[in-house]
């Protein structure tokens, strides 16, 4: 597998911004985004439902800026948890400038085998949590007249893959929700965009998708490798920054796949 490019240098793109990231503990795009945001000068609020992993991640990220980022346990399927998350972030950091809706839940089941419970679980975490968190963020950002929201979608919102009806439908819903939220918030100076990655390899993904399937997915990528999680995070940083000031309602594919 080809080597990834060099890790990027920081350019203070998010200097003094307060960035709240859901599902940002452990491994994956969430923690990679937290790391890149800290490197770009942001004050980061970590959130995850796994308390132990959340504390460990906060401690690991301390070395970047010398201070431990605020970490708040939150189950994104619970509105009261989300209310507490935003209340705590605003109380401790003064405001929330950027929300990254990273939480998501996958799984594999054909439509004829899929249960209502499996469908509902994926929808609740992957789509409905984006509504809950976006709603909470807009209530704070719109009166202030500024802010940015970046949602995590997937290329499966556009392209079909067997066994992924619930996940694909949820991610397509994230795309639609992004566009509607962008229109509703534009007059208040708040931008809402999304990224749609194809394949970003990390430890958790390797646990839920078998090695043969991952190898097949890598073959679809023009670069002959999966993305590094920080390569997805780079685009999230761009959408969170003033470099994307005239973009809202957009879904950016972060992928080297081609139909």
Protein backbone atom coordinates (compact mmCIF):
# COMPACT_ATOMS: atom_id res chain seq x y z
CA UNK A 1 0.00 0.00 0.00
CA UNK A 2 1.44 3.43 -0.94
CA UNK A 3 2.61 5.74 1.83
CA UNK A 4 0.47 8.73 2.80
CA UNK A 5 1.79 12.27 2.29
CA UNK A 6 3.68 14.07 5.07
CA UNK A 7 1.66 15.26 8.04
CA UNK A 8 0.67 18.93 7.49
CA UNK A 9 2.20 21.90 9.25
CA UNK A 10 -0.10 24.11 11.32
CA UNK A 11 -1.12 27.56 10.07
CA UNK A 12 -3.23 28.92 12.98
CA UNK A 13 -6.42 28.47 10.93
CA UNK A 14 -8.56 28.17 14.06
CA UNK A 15 -6.73 30.52 16.41
CA UNK A 16 -8.80 31.01 19.59
CA UNK A 17 -11.87 29.29 18.14
CA UNK A 18 -13.85 27.01 20.48
CA UNK A 19 -14.51 23.72 18.68
CA UNK A 20 -16.86 21.07 20.09
CA UNK A 21 -16.48 17.58 18.61
CA UNK A 22 -18.83 14.66 19.27
CA UNK A 23 -17.53 11.08 19.44
CA UNK A 24 -13.96 12.35 19.73
CA UNK A 25 -12.47 9.74 22.06
CA UNK A 26 -10.46 6.64 21.23
CA UNK A 27 -9.50 6.24 17.58
CA UNK A 28 -10.93 7.55 14.36
CA UNK A 29 -11.85 10.77 12.62
CA UNK A 30 -13.11 12.44 15.81
CA UNK A 31 -9.83 12.30 17.70
CA UNK A 32 -7.86 13.14 14.54
CA UNK A 33 -10.04 16.22 14.14
CA UNK A 34 -9.51 17.20 17.77
CA UNK A 35 -5.76 16.91 17.29
CA UNK A 36 -5.72 18.98 14.09
CA UNK A 37 -7.97 21.66 15.62
CA UNK A 38 -5.69 21.95 18.66
CA UNK A 39 -2.67 22.22 16.36
CA UNK A 40 -4.44 24.99 14.44
CA UNK A 41 -4.90 27.02 17.63
CA UNK A 42 -8.43 26.04 18.69
CA UNK A 43 -9.71 25.41 22.18
CA UNK A 44 -11.31 22.00 21.88
CA UNK A 45 -14.19 20.45 23.77
CA UNK A 46 -14.11 16.67 23.56
CA UNK A 47 -17.26 14.61 23.90
CA UNK A 48 -17.99 10.89 23.86
CA UNK A 49 -20.24 8.42 25.66
CA UNK A 50 -17.27 6.23 26.66
CA UNK A 51 -16.05 7.90 29.84
CA UNK A 52 -12.76 6.00 30.22
CA UNK A 53 -11.72 6.51 26.60
CA UNK A 54 -12.74 10.15 26.84
CA UNK A 55 -10.48 10.75 29.84
CA UNK A 56 -7.60 8.89 28.19
CA UNK A 57 -7.96 10.89 24.96
CA UNK A 58 -8.05 14.21 26.83
CA UNK A 59 -4.85 13.25 28.64
CA UNK A 60 -3.13 12.19 25.41
CA UNK A 61 -4.01 15.48 23.69
CA UNK A 62 -2.62 17.55 26.56
CA UNK A 63 0.88 17.41 25.06
CA UNK A 64 -0.17 19.49 22.03
CA UNK A 65 -0.92 22.72 23.90
CA UNK A 66 0.27 21.91 27.42
CA UNK A 67 -3.24 22.06 28.86
CA UNK A 68 -5.86 19.34 28.96
CA UNK A 69 -8.87 19.99 26.73
CA UNK A 70 -12.30 20.07 28.31
CA UNK A 71 -13.93 16.64 28.13
CA UNK A 72 -17.67 16.13 28.69
CA UNK A 73 -19.34 12.74 28.63
CA UNK A 74 -22.36 12.80 26.32
CA UNK A 75 -24.66 10.18 24.83
CA UNK A 76 -25.88 11.84 21.64
CA UNK A 77 -29.10 9.82 21.71
CA UNK A 78 -30.13 11.74 24.85
CA UNK A 79 -31.29 15.34 24.54
CA UNK A 80 -30.53 16.08 28.20
CA UNK A 81 -26.93 14.92 27.71
CA UNK A 82 -26.59 17.23 24.71
CA UNK A 83 -28.06 20.15 26.64
CA UNK A 84 -25.54 19.52 29.42
CA UNK A 85 -22.72 19.28 26.87
CA UNK A 86 -23.44 22.70 25.39
CA UNK A 87 -24.16 24.28 28.78
CA UNK A 88 -20.83 23.02 30.11
CA UNK A 89 -18.88 24.07 27.02
CA UNK A 90 -20.35 27.58 27.08
CA UNK A 91 -19.86 27.94 30.83
CA UNK A 92 -16.23 26.78 30.73
CA UNK A 93 -15.10 28.20 27.36
CA UNK A 94 -17.47 31.16 26.96
CA UNK A 95 -18.99 30.08 23.66
CA UNK A 96 -19.00 27.43 20.92
CA UNK A 97 -17.70 28.70 17.57
CA UNK A 98 -17.63 25.37 15.74
CA UNK A 99 -19.58 22.13 16.11
CA UNK A 100 -18.30 18.96 14.46
CA UNK A 101 -21.04 16.31 14.35
CA UNK A 102 -18.87 13.22 14.17
CA UNK A 103 -20.97 10.65 16.04
CA UNK A 104 -22.16 7.72 13.95
CA UNK A 105 -23.05 4.05 14.17
CA UNK A 106 -22.60 1.45 11.45
CA UNK A 107 -23.40 -2.21 10.95
CA UNK A 108 -23.98 -4.72 8.20
CA UNK A 109 -27.31 -6.36 7.39
CA UNK A 110 -29.25 -6.97 4.20
CA UNK A 111 -32.66 -5.33 3.94
CA UNK A 112 -34.53 -8.64 4.23
CA UNK A 113 -32.56 -9.57 7.36
CA UNK A 114 -32.50 -6.13 9.02
CA UNK A 115 -34.63 -5.68 12.12
CA UNK A 116 -36.46 -2.51 13.08
CA UNK A 117 -34.18 -2.23 16.11
CA UNK A 118 -31.04 -2.35 13.94
CA UNK A 119 -32.46 0.32 11.63
CA UNK A 120 -33.58 2.53 14.50
CA UNK A 121 -30.24 2.30 16.35
CA UNK A 122 -28.28 3.49 13.31
CA UNK A 123 -30.77 6.26 12.57
CA UNK A 124 -30.76 7.46 16.17
CA UNK A 125 -26.97 7.81 16.42
CA UNK A 126 -26.04 8.63 12.83
CA UNK A 127 -28.86 10.96 11.78
CA UNK A 128 -31.05 12.02 14.69
CA UNK A 129 -28.04 12.97 16.84
CA UNK A 130 -27.00 15.41 14.11
CA UNK A 131 -30.42 17.04 14.38
CA UNK A 132 -30.20 17.21 18.19
CA UNK A 133 -26.70 18.69 18.26
CA UNK A 134 -27.31 21.05 15.33
CA UNK A 135 -30.45 22.35 17.02
CA UNK A 136 -28.53 23.00 20.24
CA UNK A 137 -25.70 24.70 18.38
CA UNK A 138 -27.96 26.94 16.29
CA UNK A 139 -29.82 28.13 19.38
CA UNK A 140 -26.46 29.39 20.64
CA UNK A 141 -24.83 30.49 17.37
CA UNK A 142 -27.69 32.25 15.58
CA UNK A 143 -28.26 34.95 18.25
CA UNK A 144 -24.49 35.58 18.26
CA UNK A 145 -24.48 36.01 14.48
CA UNK A 146 -21.60 33.63 13.80
CA UNK A 147 -20.57 30.00 13.88
CA UNK A 148 -19.82 26.96 11.76
CA UNK A 149 -21.15 23.42 11.83
CA UNK A 150 -19.42 20.55 10.04
CA UNK A 151 -21.30 17.26 9.70
CA UNK A 152 -19.82 13.86 8.95
CA UNK A 153 -21.61 12.16 6.10
CA UNK A 154 -20.28 9.43 3.79
CA UNK A 155 -20.00 8.70 0.09
CA UNK A 156 -22.53 5.94 0.84
CA UNK A 157 -25.07 8.76 0.94
CA UNK A 158 -24.58 8.86 -2.83
CA UNK A 159 -23.43 5.36 -3.75
CA UNK A 160 -24.89 1.93 -3.03
CA UNK A 161 -23.14 -0.77 -1.01
CA UNK A 162 -24.85 -4.01 -0.06
CA UNK A 163 -25.67 -4.50 3.59
CA UNK A 164 -25.58 -0.75 4.31
CA UNK A 165 -29.18 0.37 3.79
CA UNK A 166 -29.55 1.86 7.28
CA UNK A 167 -26.16 3.58 7.29
CA UNK A 168 -26.49 4.86 3.70
CA UNK A 169 -29.97 6.21 4.34
CA UNK A 170 -28.79 7.92 7.52
CA UNK A 171 -25.81 9.51 5.79
CA UNK A 172 -27.98 10.68 2.88
CA UNK A 173 -30.23 12.20 5.54
CA UNK A 174 -27.23 14.03 7.01
CA UNK A 175 -26.59 15.55 3.58
CA UNK A 176 -30.19 16.76 3.30
CA UNK A 177 -30.23 18.05 6.88
CA UNK A 178 -27.00 19.93 6.20
CA UNK A 179 -28.53 21.75 3.23
CA UNK A 180 -31.72 22.69 5.08
CA UNK A 181 -29.86 23.86 8.19
CA UNK A 182 -27.56 25.94 5.99
CA UNK A 183 -30.51 27.78 4.43
CA UNK A 184 -32.17 28.37 7.79
CA UNK A 185 -28.98 29.65 9.44
CA UNK A 186 -27.46 31.69 6.60
CA UNK A 187 -29.25 34.89 7.52
CA UNK A 188 -27.68 34.72 10.98
CA UNK A 189 -24.15 34.33 9.67
CA UNK A 190 -23.86 30.63 10.58
CA UNK A 191 -22.46 28.20 8.02
CA UNK A 192 -23.35 24.49 7.83
CA UNK A 193 -21.38 22.09 5.63
CA UNK A 194 -20.52 18.40 5.53
CA UNK A 195 -17.75 16.05 4.49
CA UNK A 196 -18.35 12.68 2.86
CA UNK A 197 -15.34 10.38 3.27
CA UNK A 198 -14.94 7.08 1.46
CA UNK A 199 -12.50 4.94 3.46
CA UNK A 200 -10.41 6.19 6.37
CA UNK A 201 -8.59 3.42 8.19
CA UNK A 202 -8.41 3.30 11.98
CA UNK A 203 -8.37 0.71 14.73
CA UNK A 204 -12.13 0.67 15.36
CA UNK A 205 -12.96 0.20 11.68
CA UNK A 206 -10.65 -2.79 11.50
CA UNK A 207 -12.66 -4.38 14.32
CA UNK A 208 -16.07 -4.08 12.65
CA UNK A 209 -15.16 -4.82 9.00
CA UNK A 210 -13.36 -8.01 8.05
CA UNK A 211 -9.94 -7.89 6.44
CA UNK A 212 -11.11 -9.18 3.04
CA UNK A 213 -13.82 -6.53 2.75
CA UNK A 214 -11.39 -3.77 3.71
CA UNK A 215 -8.95 -4.99 1.07
CA UNK A 216 -11.71 -4.87 -1.55
CA UNK A 217 -12.65 -1.33 -0.51
CA UNK A 218 -9.03 -0.17 -0.76
CA UNK A 219 -8.96 -1.44 -4.36
CA UNK A 220 -11.65 1.11 -5.22
CA UNK A 221 -9.41 4.01 -4.20
CA UNK A 222 -7.41 5.66 -6.99
CA UNK A 223 -4.47 6.27 -4.64
CA UNK A 224 -4.24 2.56 -3.83
CA UNK A 225 -4.65 3.20 -0.10
CA UNK A 226 -7.24 4.29 2.43
CA UNK A 227 -7.23 7.85 3.71
CA UNK A 228 -5.47 8.70 6.93
CA UNK A 229 -7.94 10.00 9.50
CA UNK A 230 -6.03 13.30 9.60
CA UNK A 231 -6.62 13.74 5.87
CA UNK A 232 -10.35 13.81 6.58
CA UNK A 233 -9.71 16.11 9.55
CA UNK A 234 -7.86 18.55 7.28
CA UNK A 235 -11.02 19.16 5.27
CA UNK A 236 -13.06 19.53 8.46
CA UNK A 237 -10.56 22.17 9.64
CA UNK A 238 -10.94 23.98 6.32
CA UNK A 239 -14.74 24.04 6.63
CA UNK A 240 -14.47 25.22 10.24
CA UNK A 241 -12.09 28.03 9.29
CA UNK A 242 -12.58 31.40 7.62
CA UNK A 243 -10.99 29.95 4.48
CA UNK A 244 -14.44 28.56 3.65
CA UNK A 245 -16.33 31.75 4.54
CA UNK A 246 -18.47 31.69 1.36
CA UNK A 247 -19.43 28.04 1.62
CA UNK A 248 -22.63 26.76 3.19
CA UNK A 249 -24.90 23.81 2.42
CA UNK A 250 -22.05 22.01 0.68
CA UNK A 251 -21.10 18.34 0.96
CA UNK A 252 -17.44 17.76 0.09
CA UNK A 253 -16.43 14.27 -0.96
CA UNK A 254 -13.11 13.36 0.68
CA UNK A 255 -12.40 10.37 -1.49
CA UNK A 256 -10.30 9.01 -4.31
CA UNK A 257 -13.08 6.64 -5.42
CA UNK A 258 -14.60 7.08 -8.85
CA UNK A 259 -17.77 5.39 -10.15
